[in-house]
C-alpha cells in the first residue's frame, strides 16, 4: 500500500498492518510461511520453464495431479519436505533451493 493511501486510512481511524500483524504470527511462523510460498512458486516456475503440465510433474515426483496443484498453491496439507523432495526430483540443486529460500516468494504483478 502506498504511503498516501495508508495515511488517509489512518486519518480516518483505520489501523494498517501486514499479514503477519493481522494473523498475529510470530517471526518464526511468518518465516516458515515465506519459505513454503517461495518453494511452491519455484515448483510452478520450474514446471512452466520445462513446459510440463501438472500431470507430467506428478508422474516425475510420484504423486497425483491434484497433489501437484496443492503443492503449487502452498496448501496447508503440503509439507515443506514434500516441496523440497519434488524440486530435487525436477532437477533443482541444493544451491538453487538455498537461493529460492533466501529470495523468498516473489511478488506477482497485477
PDB file of N, CA and C in Angstrom:
ATOM      1  N   UNK A   1       0.860  -1.161   0.000  1.00  0.00           N
ATOM      2  CA  UNK A   1       0.000   0.000   0.000  1.00  0.00           C
ATOM      3  C   UNK A   1       0.909   1.227   0.000  1.00  0.00           C
ATOM      4  N   UNK A   2       0.536   2.205  -0.806  1.00  0.00           N
ATOM      5  CA  UNK A   2       1.379   3.395  -0.858  1.00  0.00           C
ATOM      6  C   UNK A   2       1.171   4.262   0.382  1.00  0.00           C
ATOM      7  N   UNK A   3       2.135   5.117   0.657  1.00  0.00           N
ATOM      8  CA  UNK A   3       2.139   5.943   1.869  1.00  0.00           C
ATOM      9  C   UNK A   3       0.925   6.856   1.942  1.00  0.00           C
ATOM     10  N   UNK A   4       0.554   7.437   0.826  1.00  0.00           N
ATOM     11  CA  UNK A   4      -0.581   8.370   0.787  1.00  0.00           C
ATOM     12  C   UNK A   4      -1.873   7.664   1.217  1.00  0.00           C
ATOM     13  N   UNK A   5      -2.107   6.484   0.664  1.00  0.00           N
ATOM     14  CA  UNK A   5      -3.315   5.719   0.993  1.00  0.00           C
ATOM     15  C   UNK A   5      -3.304   5.312   2.461  1.00  0.00           C
ATOM     16  N   UNK A   6      -2.140   4.844   2.946  1.00  0.00           N
ATOM     17  CA  UNK A   6      -2.049   4.429   4.347  1.00  0.00           C
ATOM     18  C   UNK A   6      -2.343   5.592   5.281  1.00  0.00           C
ATOM     19  N   UNK A   7      -1.772   6.757   5.006  1.00  0.00           N
ATOM     20  CA  UNK A   7      -2.006   7.930   5.851  1.00  0.00           C
ATOM     21  C   UNK A   7      -3.477   8.347   5.825  1.00  0.00           C
ATOM     22  N   UNK A   8      -4.086   8.261   4.675  1.00  0.00           N
ATOM     23  CA  UNK A   8      -5.506   8.605   4.526  1.00  0.00           C
ATOM     24  C   UNK A   8      -6.377   7.661   5.367  1.00  0.00           C
ATOM     25  N   UNK A   9      -6.074   6.366   5.315  1.00  0.00           N
ATOM     26  CA  UNK A   9      -6.831   5.386   6.097  1.00  0.00           C
ATOM     27  C   UNK A   9      -6.622   5.593   7.593  1.00  0.00           C
ATOM     28  N   UNK A  10      -5.380   5.830   7.985  1.00  0.00           N
ATOM     29  CA  UNK A  10      -5.088   6.048   9.405  1.00  0.00           C
ATOM     30  C   UNK A  10      -5.767   7.315   9.921  1.00  0.00           C
ATOM     31  N   UNK A  11      -5.827   8.346   9.091  1.00  0.00           N
ATOM     32  CA  UNK A  11      -6.503   9.589   9.475  1.00  0.00           C
ATOM     33  C   UNK A  11      -7.996   9.359   9.673  1.00  0.00           C
ATOM     34  N   UNK A  12      -8.540   8.384   8.948  1.00  0.00           N
ATOM     35  CA  UNK A  12      -9.964   8.058   9.069  1.00  0.00           C
ATOM     36  C   UNK A  12     -10.227   7.095  10.224  1.00  0.00           C
ATOM     37  N   UNK A  13      -9.165   6.715  10.952  1.00  0.00           N
ATOM     38  CA  UNK A  13      -9.347   5.859  12.111  1.00  0.00           C
ATOM     39  C   UNK A  13      -9.061   4.383  11.880  1.00  0.00           C
ATOM     40  N   UNK A  14      -8.631   4.024  10.688  1.00  0.00           N
ATOM     41  CA  UNK A  14      -8.320   2.636  10.375  1.00  0.00           C
ATOM     42  C   UNK A  14      -6.914   2.295  10.847  1.00  0.00           C
ATOM     43  N   UNK A  15      -6.709   1.029  11.171  1.00  0.00           N
ATOM     44  CA  UNK A  15      -5.389   0.539  11.524  1.00  0.00           C
ATOM     45  C   UNK A  15      -4.833  -0.193  10.322  1.00  0.00           C
ATOM     46  N   UNK A  16      -3.578   0.061  10.013  1.00  0.00           N
ATOM     47  CA  UNK A  16      -2.958  -0.632   8.882  1.00  0.00           C
ATOM     48  C   UNK A  16      -1.871  -1.551   9.410  1.00  0.00           C
ATOM     49  N   UNK A  17      -1.556  -2.559   8.631  1.00  0.00           N
ATOM     50  CA  UNK A  17      -0.516  -3.507   9.002  1.00  0.00           C
ATOM     51  C   UNK A  17      -0.332  -4.515   7.891  1.00  0.00           C
ATOM     52  N   UNK A  18       0.471  -5.494   8.153  1.00  0.00           N
ATOM     53  CA  UNK A  18       0.690  -6.534   7.159  1.00  0.00           C
ATOM     54  C   UNK A  18       0.006  -7.827   7.594  1.00  0.00           C
ATOM     55  N   UNK A  19       0.183  -8.852   6.808  1.00  0.00           N
ATOM     56  CA  UNK A  19      -0.441 -10.144   7.090  1.00  0.00           C
ATOM     57  C   UNK A  19       0.016 -10.693   8.435  1.00  0.00           C
ATOM     58  N   UNK A  20       1.295 -10.524   8.717  1.00  0.00           N
ATOM     59  CA  UNK A  20       1.853 -11.004   9.987  1.00  0.00           C
ATOM     60  C   UNK A  20       1.130 -10.365  11.166  1.00  0.00           C
ATOM     61  N   UNK A  21       0.910  -9.059  11.086  1.00  0.00           N
ATOM     62  CA  UNK A  21       0.199  -8.352  12.150  1.00  0.00           C
ATOM     63  C   UNK A  21      -1.242  -8.840  12.261  1.00  0.00           C
ATOM     64  N   UNK A  22      -1.912  -8.932  11.118  1.00  0.00           N
ATOM     65  CA  UNK A  22      -3.322  -9.318  11.095  1.00  0.00           C
ATOM     66  C   UNK A  22      -3.539 -10.706  11.684  1.00  0.00           C
ATOM     67  N   UNK A  23      -2.668 -11.630  11.337  1.00  0.00           N
ATOM     68  CA  UNK A  23      -2.811 -13.015  11.816  1.00  0.00           C
ATOM     69  C   UNK A  23      -2.095 -13.266  13.134  1.00  0.00           C
ATOM     70  N   UNK A  24      -1.443 -12.227  13.645  1.00  0.00           N
ATOM     71  CA  UNK A  24      -0.700 -12.311  14.903  1.00  0.00           C
ATOM     72  C   UNK A  24       0.312 -13.467  14.879  1.00  0.00           C
ATOM     73  N   UNK A  25       1.103 -13.508  13.800  1.00  0.00           N
ATOM     74  CA  UNK A  25       2.105 -14.544  13.644  1.00  0.00           C
ATOM     75  C   UNK A  25       3.393 -14.157  14.356  1.00  0.00           C
ATOM     76  N   UNK A  26       4.086 -15.149  14.871  1.00  0.00           N
ATOM     77  CA  UNK A  26       5.414 -14.902  15.411  1.00  0.00           C
ATOM     78  C   UNK A  26       6.369 -14.737  14.231  1.00  0.00           C
ATOM     79  N   UNK A  27       7.567 -14.257  14.502  1.00  0.00           N
ATOM     80  CA  UNK A  27       8.561 -14.122  13.436  1.00  0.00           C
ATOM     81  C   UNK A  27       8.856 -15.480  12.802  1.00  0.00           C
ATOM     82  N   UNK A  28       8.951 -16.513  13.630  1.00  0.00           N
ATOM     83  CA  UNK A  28       9.243 -17.857  13.122  1.00  0.00           C
ATOM     84  C   UNK A  28       8.108 -18.376  12.236  1.00  0.00           C
ATOM     85  N   UNK A  29       6.868 -18.138  12.636  1.00  0.00           N
ATOM     86  CA  UNK A  29       5.720 -18.578  11.824  1.00  0.00           C
ATOM     87  C   UNK A  29       5.689 -17.847  10.487  1.00  0.00           C
ATOM     88  N   UNK A  30       5.949 -16.564  10.505  1.00  0.00           N
ATOM     89  CA  UNK A  30       5.956 -15.775   9.269  1.00  0.00           C
ATOM     90  C   UNK A  30       7.070 -16.247   8.336  1.00  0.00           C
ATOM     91  N   UNK A  31       8.247 -16.537   8.877  1.00  0.00           N
ATOM     92  CA  UNK A  31       9.371 -17.036   8.077  1.00  0.00           C
ATOM     93  C   UNK A  31       9.040 -18.389   7.465  1.00  0.00           C
ATOM     94  N   UNK A  32       8.408 -19.263   8.245  1.00  0.00           N
ATOM     95  CA  UNK A  32       8.032 -20.582   7.747  1.00  0.00           C
ATOM     96  C   UNK A  32       7.086 -20.459   6.548  1.00  0.00           C
ATOM     97  N   UNK A  33       6.112 -19.590   6.667  1.00  0.00           N
ATOM     98  CA  UNK A  33       5.151 -19.380   5.577  1.00  0.00           C
ATOM     99  C   UNK A  33       5.854 -18.815   4.355  1.00  0.00           C
ATOM    100  N   UNK A  34       6.749 -17.858   4.551  1.00  0.00           N
ATOM    101  CA  UNK A  34       7.500 -17.275   3.431  1.00  0.00           C
ATOM    102  C   UNK A  34       8.321 -18.355   2.721  1.00  0.00           C
ATOM    103  N   UNK A  35       8.937 -19.244   3.487  1.00  0.00           N
ATOM    104  CA  UNK A  35       9.730 -20.322   2.896  1.00  0.00           C
ATOM    105  C   UNK A  35       8.846 -21.261   2.070  1.00  0.00           C
ATOM    106  N   UNK A  36       7.711 -21.604   2.612  1.00  0.00           N
ATOM    107  CA  UNK A  36       6.801 -22.513   1.912  1.00  0.00           C
ATOM    108  C   UNK A  36       6.291 -21.880   0.614  1.00  0.00           C
ATOM    109  N   UNK A  37       5.939 -20.606   0.681  1.00  0.00           N
ATOM    110  CA  UNK A  37       5.469 -19.908  -0.515  1.00  0.00           C
ATOM    111  C   UNK A  37       6.560 -19.830  -1.576  1.00  0.00           C
ATOM    112  N   UNK A  38       7.792 -19.578  -1.165  1.00  0.00           N
ATOM    113  CA  UNK A  38       8.901 -19.493  -2.111  1.00  0.00           C
ATOM    114  C   UNK A  38       9.127 -20.834  -2.807  1.00  0.00           C
ATOM    115  N   UNK A  39       9.088 -21.922  -2.044  1.00  0.00           N
ATOM    116  CA  UNK A  39       9.277 -23.253  -2.630  1.00  0.00           C
ATOM    117  C   UNK A  39       8.135 -23.604  -3.585  1.00  0.00           C
ATOM    118  N   UNK A  40       6.914 -23.261  -3.208  1.00  0.00           N
ATOM    119  CA  UNK A  40       5.756 -23.534  -4.061  1.00  0.00           C
ATOM    120  C   UNK A  40       5.858 -22.763  -5.378  1.00  0.00           C
ATOM    121  N   UNK A  41       6.264 -21.500  -5.291  1.00  0.00           N
ATOM    122  CA  UNK A  41       6.432 -20.700  -6.513  1.00  0.00           C
ATOM    123  C   UNK A  41       7.540 -21.273  -7.390  1.00  0.00           C
ATOM    124  N   UNK A  42       8.621 -21.735  -6.757  1.00  0.00           N
ATOM    125  CA  UNK A  42       9.732 -22.308  -7.514  1.00  0.00           C
ATOM    126  C   UNK A  42       9.290 -23.572  -8.241  1.00  0.00           C
ATOM    127  N   UNK A  43       8.473 -24.380  -7.597  1.00  0.00           N
ATOM    128  CA  UNK A  43       7.967 -25.598  -8.236  1.00  0.00           C
ATOM    129  C   UNK A  43       7.180 -25.241  -9.495  1.00  0.00           C
ATOM    130  N   UNK A  44       6.286 -24.291  -9.377  1.00  0.00           N
ATOM    131  CA  UNK A  44       5.477 -23.877 -10.532  1.00  0.00           C
ATOM    132  C   UNK A  44       6.359 -23.283 -11.627  1.00  0.00           C
ATOM    133  N   UNK A  45       7.301 -22.437 -11.249  1.00  0.00           N
ATOM    134  CA  UNK A  45       8.203 -21.822 -12.224  1.00  0.00           C
ATOM    135  C   UNK A  45       8.997 -22.877 -12.973  1.00  0.00           C
ATOM    136  N   UNK A  46       9.537 -23.856 -12.259  1.00  0.00           N
ATOM    137  CA  UNK A  46      10.313 -24.920 -12.900  1.00  0.00           C
ATOM    138  C   UNK A  46       9.430 -25.740 -13.843  1.00  0.00           C
ATOM    139  N   UNK A  47       8.196 -26.011 -13.417  1.00  0.00           N
ATOM    140  CA  UNK A  47       7.277 -26.770 -14.276  1.00  0.00           C
ATOM    141  C   UNK A  47       7.029 -26.014 -15.572  1.00  0.00           C
ATOM    142  N   UNK A  48       6.751 -24.729 -15.458  1.00  0.00           N
ATOM    143  CA  UNK A  48       6.457 -23.936 -16.648  1.00  0.00           C
ATOM    144  C   UNK A  48       7.686 -23.777 -17.548  1.00  0.00           C
ATOM    145  N   UNK A  49       8.855 -23.604 -16.944  1.00  0.00           N
ATOM    146  CA  UNK A  49      10.085 -23.485 -17.729  1.00  0.00           C
ATOM    147  C   UNK A  49      10.382 -24.749 -18.521  1.00  0.00           C
ATOM    148  N   UNK A  50       9.993 -25.884 -17.963  1.00  0.00           N
ATOM    149  CA  UNK A  50      10.217 -27.170 -18.648  1.00  0.00           C
ATOM    150  C   UNK A  50       9.050 -27.542 -19.553  1.00  0.00           C
ATOM    151  N   UNK A  51       8.057 -26.665 -19.643  1.00  0.00           N
ATOM    152  CA  UNK A  51       6.863 -26.898 -20.484  1.00  0.00           C
ATOM    153  C   UNK A  51       6.163 -28.197 -20.117  1.00  0.00           C
ATOM    154  N   UNK A  52       6.008 -28.404 -18.803  1.00  0.00           N
ATOM    155  CA  UNK A  52       5.321 -29.582 -18.293  1.00  0.00           C
ATOM    156  C   UNK A  52       3.969 -29.183 -17.728  1.00  0.00           C
ATOM    157  N   UNK A  53       3.015 -30.097 -17.800  1.00  0.00           N
ATOM    158  CA  UNK A  53       1.754 -29.853 -17.109  1.00  0.00           C
ATOM    159  C   UNK A  53       1.821 -30.535 -15.750  1.00  0.00           C
ATOM    160  N   UNK A  54       0.819 -30.304 -14.938  1.00  0.00           N
ATOM    161  CA  UNK A  54       0.839 -30.855 -13.580  1.00  0.00           C
ATOM    162  C   UNK A  54       0.819 -32.381 -13.567  1.00  0.00           C
ATOM    163  N   UNK A  55       0.164 -32.981 -14.527  1.00  0.00           N
ATOM    164  CA  UNK A  55       0.115 -34.443 -14.605  1.00  0.00           C
ATOM    165  C   UNK A  55       1.499 -35.014 -14.895  1.00  0.00           C
ATOM    166  N   UNK A  56       2.244 -34.359 -15.764  1.00  0.00           N
ATOM    167  CA  UNK A  56       3.596 -34.813 -16.071  1.00  0.00           C
ATOM    168  C   UNK A  56       4.510 -34.678 -14.853  1.00  0.00           C
ATOM    169  N   UNK A  57       4.379 -33.577 -14.139  1.00  0.00           N
ATOM    170  CA  UNK A  57       5.173 -33.397 -12.917  1.00  0.00           C
ATOM    171  C   UNK A  57       4.784 -34.463 -11.901  1.00  0.00           C
ATOM    172  N   UNK A  58       3.507 -34.757 -11.799  1.00  0.00           N
ATOM    173  CA  UNK A  58       3.038 -35.775 -10.854  1.00  0.00           C
ATOM    174  C   UNK A  58       3.708 -37.116 -11.134  1.00  0.00           C
ATOM    175  N   UNK A  59       3.832 -37.469 -12.404  1.00  0.00           N
ATOM    176  CA  UNK A  59       4.492 -38.725 -12.757  1.00  0.00           C
ATOM    177  C   UNK A  59       5.960 -38.707 -12.333  1.00  0.00           C
ATOM    178  N   UNK A  60       6.620 -37.587 -12.550  1.00  0.00           N
ATOM    179  CA  UNK A  60       8.046 -37.461 -12.212  1.00  0.00           C
ATOM    180  C   UNK A  60       8.266 -37.584 -10.704  1.00  0.00           C
ATOM    181  N   UNK A  61       7.398 -36.939  -9.930  1.00  0.00           N
ATOM    182  CA  UNK A  61       7.596 -36.919  -8.476  1.00  0.00           C
ATOM    183  C   UNK A  61       6.872 -38.054  -7.753  1.00  0.00           C
ATOM    184  N   UNK A  62       6.111 -38.852  -8.498  1.00  0.00           N
ATOM    185  CA  UNK A  62       5.417 -39.993  -7.899  1.00  0.00           C
ATOM    186  C   UNK A  62       4.201 -39.584  -7.082  1.00  0.00           C
ATOM    187  N   UNK A  63       3.424 -38.675  -7.651  1.00  0.00           N
ATOM    188  CA  UNK A  63       2.252 -38.174  -6.942  1.00  0.00           C
ATOM    189  C   UNK A  63       1.084 -38.070  -7.914  1.00  0.00           C
ATOM    190  N   UNK A  64       0.085 -37.284  -7.543  1.00  0.00           N
ATOM    191  CA  UNK A  64      -1.075 -37.079  -8.401  1.00  0.00           C
ATOM    192  C   UNK A  64      -1.117 -35.631  -8.876  1.00  0.00           C
ATOM    193  N   UNK A  65      -1.880 -35.391  -9.937  1.00  0.00           N
ATOM    194  CA  UNK A  65      -2.016 -34.023 -10.457  1.00  0.00           C
ATOM    195  C   UNK A  65      -2.612 -33.112  -9.404  1.00  0.00           C
ATOM    196  N   UNK A  66      -3.607 -33.596  -8.668  1.00  0.00           N
ATOM    197  CA  UNK A  66      -4.245 -32.749  -7.662  1.00  0.00           C
ATOM    198  C   UNK A  66      -3.273 -32.386  -6.541  1.00  0.00           C
ATOM    199  N   UNK A  67      -2.355 -33.310  -6.235  1.00  0.00           N
ATOM    200  CA  UNK A  67      -1.355 -33.029  -5.196  1.00  0.00           C
ATOM    201  C   UNK A  67      -0.365 -31.977  -5.695  1.00  0.00           C
ATOM    202  N   UNK A  68       0.012 -32.059  -6.966  1.00  0.00           N
ATOM    203  CA  UNK A  68       0.905 -31.051  -7.546  1.00  0.00           C
ATOM    204  C   UNK A  68       0.224 -29.683  -7.502  1.00  0.00           C
ATOM    205  N   UNK A  69      -1.057 -29.642  -7.815  1.00  0.00           N
ATOM    206  CA  UNK A  69      -1.794 -28.373  -7.747  1.00  0.00           C
ATOM    207  C   UNK A  69      -1.760 -27.816  -6.328  1.00  0.00           C
ATOM    208  N   UNK A  70      -1.938 -28.691  -5.345  1.00  0.00           N
ATOM    209  CA  UNK A  70      -1.880 -28.253  -3.943  1.00  0.00           C
ATOM    210  C   UNK A  70      -0.471 -27.791  -3.573  1.00  0.00           C
ATOM    211  N   UNK A  71       0.542 -28.468  -4.099  1.00  0.00           N
ATOM    212  CA  UNK A  71       1.922 -28.052  -3.825  1.00  0.00           C
ATOM    213  C   UNK A  71       2.164 -26.651  -4.376  1.00  0.00           C
ATOM    214  N   UNK A  72       1.728 -26.410  -5.599  1.00  0.00           N
ATOM    215  CA  UNK A  72       1.933 -25.104  -6.221  1.00  0.00           C
ATOM    216  C   UNK A  72       1.151 -24.003  -5.507  1.00  0.00           C
ATOM    217  N   UNK A  73       0.073 -24.364  -4.859  1.00  0.00           N
ATOM    218  CA  UNK A  73      -0.744 -23.394  -4.128  1.00  0.00           C
ATOM    219  C   UNK A  73      -0.293 -23.251  -2.672  1.00  0.00           C
ATOM    220  N   UNK A  74       0.746 -23.985  -2.282  1.00  0.00           N
ATOM    221  CA  UNK A  74       1.238 -23.981  -0.898  1.00  0.00           C
ATOM    222  C   UNK A  74       0.120 -24.319   0.080  1.00  0.00           C
ATOM    223  N   UNK A  75      -0.700 -25.279  -0.300  1.00  0.00           N
ATOM    224  CA  UNK A  75      -1.810 -25.730   0.531  1.00  0.00           C
ATOM    225  C   UNK A  75      -1.284 -26.161   1.908  1.00  0.00           C
ATOM    226  N   UNK A  76      -2.044 -25.888   2.968  1.00  0.00           N
ATOM    227  CA  UNK A  76      -1.602 -26.276   4.314  1.00  0.00           C
ATOM    228  C   UNK A  76      -1.324 -27.774   4.480  1.00  0.00           C
ATOM    229  N   UNK A  77      -1.939 -28.604   3.654  1.00  0.00           N
ATOM    230  CA  UNK A  77      -1.719 -30.045   3.766  1.00  0.00           C
ATOM    231  C   UNK A  77      -0.392 -30.492   3.151  1.00  0.00           C
ATOM    232  N   UNK A  78       0.284 -29.583   2.464  1.00  0.00           N
ATOM    233  CA  UNK A  78       1.557 -29.899   1.810  1.00  0.00           C
ATOM    234  C   UNK A  78       2.702 -29.513   2.730  1.00  0.00           C
ATOM    235  N   UNK A  79       3.625 -30.437   2.940  1.00  0.00           N
ATOM    236  CA  UNK A  79       4.777 -30.163   3.810  1.00  0.00           C
ATOM    237  C   UNK A  79       5.922 -29.551   3.000  1.00  0.00           C
ATOM    238  N   UNK A  80       6.767 -28.829   3.696  1.00  0.00           N
ATOM    239  CA  UNK A  80       7.976 -28.298   3.056  1.00  0.00           C
ATOM    240  C   UNK A  80       8.837 -29.463   2.578  1.00  0.00           C
ATOM    241  N   UNK A  81       8.832 -30.549   3.327  1.00  0.00           N
ATOM    242  CA  UNK A  81       9.572 -31.749   2.958  1.00  0.00           C
ATOM    243  C   UNK A  81       9.151 -32.228   1.568  1.00  0.00           C
ATOM    244  N   UNK A  82       7.862 -32.300   1.322  1.00  0.00           N
ATOM    245  CA  UNK A  82       7.354 -32.742   0.021  1.00  0.00           C
ATOM    246  C   UNK A  82       7.759 -31.768  -1.082  1.00  0.00           C
ATOM    247  N   UNK A  83       7.691 -30.470  -0.808  1.00  0.00           N
ATOM    248  CA  UNK A  83       8.092 -29.480  -1.804  1.00  0.00           C
ATOM    249  C   UNK A  83       9.570 -29.631  -2.159  1.00  0.00           C
ATOM    250  N   UNK A  84      10.420 -29.788  -1.152  1.00  0.00           N
ATOM    251  CA  UNK A  84      11.859 -29.929  -1.391  1.00  0.00           C
ATOM    252  C   UNK A  84      12.147 -31.202  -2.183  1.00  0.00           C
ATOM    253  N   UNK A  85      11.558 -32.322  -1.780  1.00  0.00           N
ATOM    254  CA  UNK A  85      11.777 -33.584  -2.491  1.00  0.00           C
ATOM    255  C   UNK A  85      11.327 -33.480  -3.945  1.00  0.00           C
ATOM    256  N   UNK A  86      10.202 -32.829  -4.176  1.00  0.00           N
ATOM    257  CA  UNK A  86       9.689 -32.677  -5.542  1.00  0.00           C
ATOM    258  C   UNK A  86      10.605 -31.800  -6.378  1.00  0.00           C
ATOM    259  N   UNK A  87      11.097 -30.721  -5.794  1.00  0.00           N
ATOM    260  CA  UNK A  87      12.018 -29.847  -6.519  1.00  0.00           C
ATOM    261  C   UNK A  87      13.310 -30.585  -6.862  1.00  0.00           C
ATOM    262  N   UNK A  88      13.809 -31.385  -5.940  1.00  0.00           N
ATOM    263  CA  UNK A  88      15.016 -32.165  -6.209  1.00  0.00           C
ATOM    264  C   UNK A  88      14.779 -33.157  -7.349  1.00  0.00           C
ATOM    265  N   UNK A  89      13.604 -33.795  -7.355  1.00  0.00           N
ATOM    266  CA  UNK A  89      13.280 -34.738  -8.432  1.00  0.00           C
ATOM    267  C   UNK A  89      13.157 -34.036  -9.780  1.00  0.00           C
ATOM    268  N   UNK A  90      12.836 -32.747  -9.759  1.00  0.00           N
ATOM    269  CA  UNK A  90      12.757 -31.972 -11.000  1.00  0.00           C
ATOM    270  C   UNK A  90      14.117 -31.400 -11.398  1.00  0.00           C
ATOM    271  N   UNK A  91      15.147 -31.736 -10.637  1.00  0.00           N
ATOM    272  CA  UNK A  91      16.488 -31.338 -11.020  1.00  0.00           C
ATOM    273  C   UNK A  91      17.074 -30.148 -10.292  1.00  0.00           C
ATOM    274  N   UNK A  92      16.394 -29.635  -9.292  1.00  0.00           N
ATOM    275  CA  UNK A  92      16.927 -28.500  -8.544  1.00  0.00           C
ATOM    276  C   UNK A  92      18.142 -28.944  -7.734  1.00  0.00           C
ATOM    277  N   UNK A  93      19.133 -28.082  -7.679  1.00  0.00           N
ATOM    278  CA  UNK A  93      20.325 -28.338  -6.871  1.00  0.00           C
ATOM    279  C   UNK A  93      20.159 -27.671  -5.511  1.00  0.00           C
ATOM    280  N   UNK A  94      20.925 -28.118  -4.540  1.00  0.00           N
ATOM    281  CA  UNK A  94      20.863 -27.529  -3.190  1.00  0.00           C
ATOM    282  C   UNK A  94      21.063 -26.023  -3.217  1.00  0.00           C
ATOM    283  N   UNK A  95      22.036 -25.583  -3.981  1.00  0.00           N
ATOM    284  CA  UNK A  95      22.322 -24.148  -4.050  1.00  0.00           C
ATOM    285  C   UNK A  95      21.133 -23.384  -4.615  1.00  0.00           C
ATOM    286  N   UNK A  96      20.433 -23.975  -5.563  1.00  0.00           N
ATOM    287  CA  UNK A  96      19.253 -23.325  -6.131  1.00  0.00           C
ATOM    288  C   UNK A  96      18.136 -23.231  -5.093  1.00  0.00           C
ATOM    289  N   UNK A  97      17.970 -24.293  -4.314  1.00  0.00           N
ATOM    290  CA  UNK A  97      16.954 -24.265  -3.263  1.00  0.00           C
ATOM    291  C   UNK A  97      17.315 -23.232  -2.200  1.00  0.00           C
ATOM    292  N   UNK A  98      18.595 -23.145  -1.872  1.00  0.00           N
ATOM    293  CA  UNK A  98      19.046 -22.145  -0.901  1.00  0.00           C
ATOM    294  C   UNK A  98      18.763 -20.737  -1.428  1.00  0.00           C
ATOM    295  N   UNK A  99      19.004 -20.523  -2.710  1.00  0.00           N
ATOM    296  CA  UNK A  99      18.740 -19.213  -3.308  1.00  0.00           C
ATOM    297  C   UNK A  99      17.245 -18.901  -3.279  1.00  0.00           C
ATOM    298  N   UNK A 100      16.427 -19.896  -3.562  1.00  0.00           N
ATOM    299  CA  UNK A 100      14.970 -19.718  -3.515  1.00  0.00           C
ATOM    300  C   UNK A 100      14.531 -19.314  -2.122  1.00  0.00           C
ATOM    301  N   UNK A 101      15.051 -19.998  -1.111  1.00  0.00           N
ATOM    302  CA  UNK A 101      14.684 -19.692   0.271  1.00  0.00           C
ATOM    303  C   UNK A 101      15.200 -18.320   0.708  1.00  0.00           C
ATOM    304  N   UNK A 102      16.366 -17.948   0.210  1.00  0.00           N
ATOM    305  CA  UNK A 102      16.929 -16.640   0.548  1.00  0.00           C
ATOM    306  C   UNK A 102      16.117 -15.508  -0.065  1.00  0.00           C
ATOM    307  N   UNK A 103      15.667 -15.727  -1.288  1.00  0.00           N
ATOM    308  CA  UNK A 103      14.889 -14.730  -2.012  1.00  0.00           C
ATOM    309  C   UNK A 103      13.497 -14.547  -1.418  1.00  0.00           C
ATOM    310  N   UNK A 104      12.893 -15.651  -1.038  1.00  0.00           N
ATOM    311  CA  UNK A 104      11.512 -15.595  -0.567  1.00  0.00           C
ATOM    312  C   UNK A 104      10.556 -15.568  -1.746  1.00  0.00           C
ATOM    313  N   UNK A 105       9.263 -15.536  -1.477  1.00  0.00           N
ATOM    314  CA  UNK A 105       8.284 -15.510  -2.563  1.00  0.00           C
ATOM    315  C   UNK A 105       8.368 -14.200  -3.320  1.00  0.00           C
ATOM    316  N   UNK A 106       8.191 -14.271  -4.608  1.00  0.00           N
ATOM    317  CA  UNK A 106       8.236 -13.093  -5.466  1.00  0.00           C
ATOM    318  C   UNK A 106       6.833 -12.504  -5.590  1.00  0.00           C
ATOM    319  N   UNK A 107       6.781 -11.199  -5.672  1.00  0.00           N
ATOM    320  CA  UNK A 107       5.503 -10.532  -5.869  1.00  0.00           C
ATOM    321  C   UNK A 107       5.026 -10.774  -7.288  1.00  0.00           C
ATOM    322  N   UNK A 108       3.761 -11.086  -7.442  1.00  0.00           N
ATOM    323  CA  UNK A 108       3.174 -11.292  -8.741  1.00  0.00           C
ATOM    324  C   UNK A 108       2.578  -9.981  -9.211  1.00  0.00           C
ATOM    325  N   UNK A 109       2.936  -9.571 -10.422  1.00  0.00           N
ATOM    326  CA  UNK A 109       2.408  -8.314 -10.962  1.00  0.00           C
ATOM    327  C   UNK A 109       0.916  -8.445 -11.230  1.00  0.00           C
ATOM    328  N   UNK A 110       0.179  -7.406 -10.898  1.00  0.00           N
ATOM    329  CA  UNK A 110      -1.267  -7.466 -11.130  1.00  0.00           C
ATOM    330  C   UNK A 110      -1.678  -6.554 -12.249  1.00  0.00           C
TER     331      UNK A 110
END
